[in-house]
Amino acid sequence: VQLQASGGGLVQAGGSLRLSCAASGSIGSLNYMGWYRQAPGKQRELVAQFTRSGDITYVNSVKGRFTISRDNAKNTVYLQMNNLKPEDTAVYYCHGLNIRTSTNYWGPGTLVTVSS
């Protein structure tokens, strides 16, 4: 499975960005697919993810502001980020997990910078 993220950039607080993650390979094997982020000096954290059955999880800090969605025909997962805050500044990573093989797949990160 290969994951390629895009859509990061610099935005002012209160602005919006949409991240895209294009997947290729055996994506049907993934039990989870979504987004993590890592801010400077902090651990990587889950932002939002789909389960294979379509259930969605968000970290509390982004609920009501971020929306994860997917286009199965394009094998792409999106993260719409609204009302961005400086604390959302981080490198965002697309992620997939195959539970059966215990394999984590990571795309190259895309930097999101929110200025105050």
N, C-alpha and C. Protein backbone atom coordinates (compact mmCIF):
# COMPACT_ATOMS: atom_id res chain seq x y z
N VAL A 1 0.85 -1.19 0.00
CA VAL A 1 0.00 0.00 0.00
C VAL A 1 0.89 1.24 0.00
N GLN A 2 0.58 2.15 -0.90
CA GLN A 2 1.31 3.43 -0.95
C GLN A 2 0.31 4.56 -0.70
N LEU A 3 0.75 5.50 0.12
CA LEU A 3 -0.10 6.63 0.47
C LEU A 3 0.62 7.92 0.12
N GLN A 4 -0.09 8.84 -0.50
CA GLN A 4 0.50 10.11 -0.88
C GLN A 4 -0.42 11.24 -0.44
N ALA A 5 0.07 12.04 0.48
CA ALA A 5 -0.72 13.15 1.01
C ALA A 5 -0.37 14.45 0.31
N SER A 6 -1.33 15.33 0.24
CA SER A 6 -1.12 16.66 -0.33
C SER A 6 -2.11 17.63 0.29
N GLY A 7 -1.87 18.92 0.08
CA GLY A 7 -2.83 19.93 0.51
C GLY A 7 -2.41 20.80 1.67
N GLY A 8 -1.26 20.54 2.25
CA GLY A 8 -0.81 21.37 3.36
C GLY A 8 -0.44 22.77 2.89
N GLY A 9 -0.16 23.63 3.85
CA GLY A 9 0.24 24.99 3.52
C GLY A 9 0.14 25.91 4.71
N LEU A 10 0.24 27.19 4.42
CA LEU A 10 0.18 28.23 5.45
C LEU A 10 -1.18 28.92 5.38
N VAL A 11 -1.81 29.05 6.54
CA VAL A 11 -3.14 29.67 6.59
C VAL A 11 -3.25 30.47 7.88
N GLN A 12 -4.04 31.50 7.85
CA GLN A 12 -4.27 32.28 9.06
C GLN A 12 -5.30 31.59 9.95
N ALA A 13 -5.22 31.88 11.23
CA ALA A 13 -6.20 31.33 12.17
C ALA A 13 -7.61 31.66 11.70
N GLY A 14 -8.47 30.65 11.81
CA GLY A 14 -9.84 30.79 11.33
C GLY A 14 -10.04 30.34 9.90
N GLY A 15 -8.95 30.09 9.20
CA GLY A 15 -9.02 29.67 7.81
C GLY A 15 -9.26 28.18 7.66
N SER A 16 -9.23 27.73 6.40
CA SER A 16 -9.52 26.34 6.08
C SER A 16 -8.48 25.78 5.13
N LEU A 17 -8.29 24.48 5.23
CA LEU A 17 -7.47 23.72 4.29
C LEU A 17 -8.11 22.36 4.11
N ARG A 18 -7.85 21.75 2.95
CA ARG A 18 -8.29 20.37 2.74
C ARG A 18 -7.08 19.52 2.36
N LEU A 19 -6.86 18.48 3.12
CA LEU A 19 -5.81 17.54 2.83
C LEU A 19 -6.39 16.36 2.04
N SER A 20 -5.57 15.83 1.15
CA SER A 20 -5.97 14.66 0.38
C SER A 20 -4.93 13.56 0.56
N CYS A 21 -5.40 12.33 0.59
CA CYS A 21 -4.51 11.17 0.68
C CYS A 21 -4.92 10.18 -0.40
N ALA A 22 -4.09 10.08 -1.43
CA ALA A 22 -4.36 9.13 -2.50
C ALA A 22 -3.67 7.82 -2.18
N ALA A 23 -4.43 6.74 -2.25
CA ALA A 23 -3.91 5.43 -1.89
C ALA A 23 -3.84 4.53 -3.12
N SER A 24 -2.83 3.69 -3.14
CA SER A 24 -2.72 2.70 -4.20
C SER A 24 -2.25 1.40 -3.59
N GLY A 25 -2.48 0.29 -4.29
CA GLY A 25 -2.11 -1.02 -3.76
C GLY A 25 -3.31 -1.70 -3.14
N SER A 26 -3.05 -2.57 -2.20
CA SER A 26 -4.10 -3.40 -1.60
C SER A 26 -4.82 -2.67 -0.48
N ILE A 27 -5.48 -1.58 -0.84
CA ILE A 27 -6.11 -0.78 0.19
C ILE A 27 -7.30 -1.49 0.81
N GLY A 28 -7.84 -2.49 0.11
CA GLY A 28 -8.93 -3.25 0.68
C GLY A 28 -8.51 -4.04 1.91
N SER A 29 -7.22 -4.20 2.09
CA SER A 29 -6.71 -4.93 3.25
C SER A 29 -6.63 -4.06 4.50
N LEU A 30 -6.84 -2.77 4.34
CA LEU A 30 -6.70 -1.86 5.48
C LEU A 30 -7.94 -1.90 6.37
N ASN A 31 -7.73 -2.06 7.64
CA ASN A 31 -8.83 -2.02 8.61
C ASN A 31 -9.12 -0.59 9.06
N TYR A 32 -8.09 0.24 9.05
CA TYR A 32 -8.23 1.65 9.43
C TYR A 32 -7.49 2.49 8.39
N MET A 33 -8.03 3.69 8.14
CA MET A 33 -7.35 4.63 7.27
C MET A 33 -7.72 6.04 7.71
N GLY A 34 -6.71 6.88 7.83
CA GLY A 34 -7.01 8.22 8.30
C GLY A 34 -5.79 9.10 8.39
N TRP A 35 -5.83 10.01 9.37
CA TRP A 35 -4.81 11.04 9.49
C TRP A 35 -4.27 11.13 10.92
N TYR A 36 -2.96 11.26 11.01
CA TYR A 36 -2.28 11.58 12.25
C TYR A 36 -1.57 12.92 12.05
N ARG A 37 -1.13 13.51 13.14
CA ARG A 37 -0.31 14.72 13.05
C ARG A 37 0.74 14.72 14.15
N GLN A 38 1.82 15.46 13.87
CA GLN A 38 2.89 15.58 14.85
C GLN A 38 3.34 17.03 14.89
N ALA A 39 3.10 17.66 16.01
CA ALA A 39 3.52 19.04 16.22
C ALA A 39 4.96 19.05 16.74
N PRO A 40 5.66 20.15 16.57
CA PRO A 40 7.05 20.22 17.05
C PRO A 40 7.15 19.90 18.53
N GLY A 41 8.03 18.98 18.87
CA GLY A 41 8.25 18.63 20.25
C GLY A 41 7.19 17.76 20.88
N LYS A 42 6.24 17.28 20.07
CA LYS A 42 5.16 16.47 20.61
C LYS A 42 5.11 15.12 19.92
N GLN A 43 4.39 14.20 20.56
CA GLN A 43 4.22 12.88 19.96
C GLN A 43 3.18 12.93 18.84
N ARG A 44 3.30 11.98 17.95
CA ARG A 44 2.32 11.87 16.87
C ARG A 44 0.99 11.46 17.48
N GLU A 45 -0.09 12.08 17.02
CA GLU A 45 -1.41 11.76 17.55
C GLU A 45 -2.40 11.52 16.42
N LEU A 46 -3.39 10.68 16.72
CA LEU A 46 -4.47 10.43 15.79
C LEU A 46 -5.34 11.68 15.69
N VAL A 47 -5.68 12.07 14.46
CA VAL A 47 -6.59 13.19 14.24
C VAL A 47 -7.97 12.67 13.89
N ALA A 48 -8.06 11.81 12.89
CA ALA A 48 -9.34 11.27 12.45
C ALA A 48 -9.08 10.03 11.63
N GLN A 49 -9.99 9.07 11.71
CA GLN A 49 -9.81 7.87 10.90
C GLN A 49 -11.13 7.17 10.65
N PHE A 50 -11.15 6.41 9.54
CA PHE A 50 -12.25 5.52 9.19
C PHE A 50 -11.87 4.11 9.60
N THR A 51 -12.87 3.34 10.01
CA THR A 51 -12.71 1.89 10.01
C THR A 51 -13.20 1.37 8.66
N ARG A 52 -12.91 0.10 8.40
CA ARG A 52 -13.34 -0.47 7.13
C ARG A 52 -14.85 -0.41 6.99
N SER A 53 -15.56 -0.53 8.09
CA SER A 53 -17.03 -0.53 8.04
C SER A 53 -17.60 0.89 7.95
N GLY A 54 -16.73 1.90 8.03
CA GLY A 54 -17.20 3.27 7.86
C GLY A 54 -17.35 4.06 9.15
N ASP A 55 -17.09 3.45 10.29
CA ASP A 55 -17.13 4.21 11.53
C ASP A 55 -16.00 5.24 11.54
N ILE A 56 -16.27 6.37 12.17
CA ILE A 56 -15.30 7.47 12.18
C ILE A 56 -14.94 7.85 13.61
N THR A 57 -13.67 8.13 13.82
CA THR A 57 -13.17 8.60 15.10
C THR A 57 -12.44 9.92 14.90
N TYR A 58 -12.67 10.87 15.81
CA TYR A 58 -11.94 12.14 15.82
C TYR A 58 -11.29 12.35 17.19
N VAL A 59 -10.14 12.98 17.19
CA VAL A 59 -9.59 13.43 18.46
C VAL A 59 -10.46 14.59 18.95
N ASN A 60 -10.63 14.71 20.25
CA ASN A 60 -11.57 15.69 20.79
C ASN A 60 -11.27 17.12 20.33
N SER A 61 -10.01 17.44 20.19
CA SER A 61 -9.62 18.83 19.89
C SER A 61 -10.06 19.30 18.51
N VAL A 62 -10.44 18.38 17.62
CA VAL A 62 -10.83 18.79 16.26
C VAL A 62 -12.31 18.55 15.99
N LYS A 63 -13.01 17.96 16.92
CA LYS A 63 -14.44 17.68 16.71
C LYS A 63 -15.19 18.99 16.45
N GLY A 64 -16.04 18.95 15.43
CA GLY A 64 -16.80 20.13 15.05
C GLY A 64 -16.06 21.06 14.10
N ARG A 65 -14.77 20.82 13.90
CA ARG A 65 -13.99 21.68 13.00
C ARG A 65 -13.43 20.90 11.80
N PHE A 66 -13.06 19.66 12.03
CA PHE A 66 -12.48 18.83 10.96
C PHE A 66 -13.49 17.76 10.54
N THR A 67 -13.45 17.43 9.25
CA THR A 67 -14.30 16.38 8.72
C THR A 67 -13.48 15.46 7.83
N ILE A 68 -13.51 14.17 8.14
CA ILE A 68 -12.85 13.19 7.30
C ILE A 68 -13.88 12.60 6.35
N SER A 69 -13.47 12.38 5.12
CA SER A 69 -14.37 11.79 4.13
C SER A 69 -13.54 10.96 3.16
N ARG A 70 -14.22 10.20 2.33
CA ARG A 70 -13.48 9.38 1.37
C ARG A 70 -14.25 9.26 0.08
N ASP A 71 -13.49 9.07 -0.99
CA ASP A 71 -14.04 8.80 -2.31
C ASP A 71 -13.50 7.44 -2.72
N ASN A 72 -14.32 6.41 -2.59
CA ASN A 72 -13.86 5.06 -2.87
C ASN A 72 -13.46 4.88 -4.33
N ALA A 73 -14.13 5.57 -5.22
CA ALA A 73 -13.81 5.44 -6.65
C ALA A 73 -12.40 5.97 -6.95
N LYS A 74 -11.97 6.95 -6.17
CA LYS A 74 -10.65 7.54 -6.38
C LYS A 74 -9.62 7.01 -5.38
N ASN A 75 -10.04 6.11 -4.49
CA ASN A 75 -9.14 5.62 -3.45
C ASN A 75 -8.47 6.76 -2.70
N THR A 76 -9.26 7.73 -2.35
CA THR A 76 -8.72 8.94 -1.72
C THR A 76 -9.50 9.26 -0.45
N VAL A 77 -8.75 9.64 0.57
CA VAL A 77 -9.34 10.09 1.83
C VAL A 77 -9.00 11.57 1.99
N TYR A 78 -9.98 12.32 2.45
CA TYR A 78 -9.81 13.76 2.61
C TYR A 78 -9.93 14.14 4.08
N LEU A 79 -9.30 15.26 4.41
CA LEU A 79 -9.49 15.86 5.73
C LEU A 79 -9.78 17.35 5.51
N GLN A 80 -11.04 17.72 5.67
CA GLN A 80 -11.43 19.12 5.58
C GLN A 80 -11.22 19.75 6.95
N MET A 81 -10.41 20.78 6.99
CA MET A 81 -10.07 21.43 8.26
C MET A 81 -10.57 22.87 8.23
N ASN A 82 -11.52 23.17 9.08
CA ASN A 82 -12.11 24.51 9.17
C ASN A 82 -11.78 25.13 10.51
N ASN A 83 -11.91 26.45 10.56
CA ASN A 83 -11.65 27.19 11.80
C ASN A 83 -10.31 26.75 12.41
N LEU A 84 -9.29 26.77 11.59
CA LEU A 84 -7.97 26.31 12.05
C LEU A 84 -7.41 27.22 13.13
N LYS A 85 -6.70 26.60 14.04
CA LYS A 85 -6.09 27.30 15.17
C LYS A 85 -4.58 27.12 15.13
N PRO A 86 -3.82 28.03 15.73
CA PRO A 86 -2.36 27.87 15.74
C PRO A 86 -1.93 26.52 16.31
N GLU A 87 -2.68 25.98 17.25
CA GLU A 87 -2.31 24.68 17.83
C GLU A 87 -2.54 23.51 16.87
N ASP A 88 -3.15 23.77 15.72
CA ASP A 88 -3.28 22.73 14.70
C ASP A 88 -2.02 22.63 13.84
N THR A 89 -1.09 23.54 14.04
CA THR A 89 0.16 23.51 13.29
C THR A 89 0.90 22.20 13.56
N ALA A 90 1.20 21.48 12.48
CA ALA A 90 1.84 20.17 12.61
C ALA A 90 2.13 19.62 11.22
N VAL A 91 2.89 18.56 11.21
CA VAL A 91 3.01 17.75 10.00
C VAL A 91 1.91 16.69 10.06
N TYR A 92 1.13 16.63 9.03
CA TYR A 92 0.00 15.70 8.96
C TYR A 92 0.38 14.51 8.09
N TYR A 93 0.08 13.32 8.61
CA TYR A 93 0.44 12.07 7.94
C TYR A 93 -0.79 11.26 7.63
N CYS A 94 -0.86 10.77 6.41
CA CYS A 94 -1.88 9.81 6.06
C CYS A 94 -1.44 8.43 6.58
N HIS A 95 -2.38 7.66 7.07
CA HIS A 95 -2.04 6.40 7.73
C HIS A 95 -3.04 5.31 7.37
N GLY A 96 -2.53 4.10 7.25
CA GLY A 96 -3.39 2.93 7.07
C GLY A 96 -2.88 1.79 7.93
N LEU A 97 -3.77 0.96 8.40
CA LEU A 97 -3.39 -0.16 9.26
C LEU A 97 -4.04 -1.45 8.81
N ASN A 98 -3.23 -2.47 8.62
CA ASN A 98 -3.71 -3.83 8.36
C ASN A 98 -3.53 -4.60 9.66
N ILE A 99 -4.64 -4.90 10.32
CA ILE A 99 -4.57 -5.58 11.61
C ILE A 99 -4.04 -7.00 11.46
N ARG A 100 -4.44 -7.69 10.42
CA ARG A 100 -4.05 -9.10 10.27
C ARG A 100 -2.53 -9.24 10.20
N THR A 101 -1.87 -8.33 9.50
CA THR A 101 -0.41 -8.41 9.37
C THR A 101 0.31 -7.46 10.32
N SER A 102 -0.45 -6.72 11.12
CA SER A 102 0.12 -5.72 12.04
C SER A 102 1.02 -4.74 11.31
N THR A 103 0.60 -4.32 10.13
CA THR A 103 1.41 -3.42 9.32
C THR A 103 0.79 -2.03 9.29
N ASN A 104 1.59 -1.05 9.67
CA ASN A 104 1.21 0.35 9.56
C ASN A 104 1.81 0.92 8.27
N TYR A 105 1.01 1.64 7.55
CA TYR A 105 1.46 2.31 6.34
C TYR A 105 1.37 3.82 6.57
N TRP A 106 2.45 4.51 6.20
CA TRP A 106 2.52 5.96 6.38
C TRP A 106 2.88 6.63 5.06
N GLY A 107 2.18 7.70 4.76
CA GLY A 107 2.58 8.52 3.64
C GLY A 107 3.56 9.57 4.11
N PRO A 108 4.25 10.23 3.18
CA PRO A 108 5.09 11.36 3.58
C PRO A 108 4.23 12.47 4.14
N GLY A 109 4.69 13.14 5.13
CA GLY A 109 3.89 14.16 5.78
C GLY A 109 3.69 15.39 4.93
N THR A 110 2.65 16.13 5.27
CA THR A 110 2.40 17.42 4.65
C THR A 110 2.25 18.45 5.76
N LEU A 111 2.97 19.55 5.64
CA LEU A 111 3.04 20.54 6.72
C LEU A 111 1.86 21.50 6.65
N VAL A 112 1.21 21.65 7.79
CA VAL A 112 0.15 22.64 7.96
C VAL A 112 0.63 23.65 8.99
N THR A 113 0.66 24.91 8.60
CA THR A 113 1.08 25.98 9.51
C THR A 113 -0.05 26.99 9.63
N VAL A 114 -0.48 27.22 10.86
CA VAL A 114 -1.57 28.16 11.12
C VAL A 114 -0.99 29.35 11.89
N SER A 115 -1.07 30.51 11.29
CA SER A 115 -0.52 31.70 11.93
C SER A 115 -1.62 32.42 12.72
N SER A 116 -1.21 33.04 13.81
CA SER A 116 -2.18 33.74 14.67
C SER A 116 -2.38 35.17 14.22
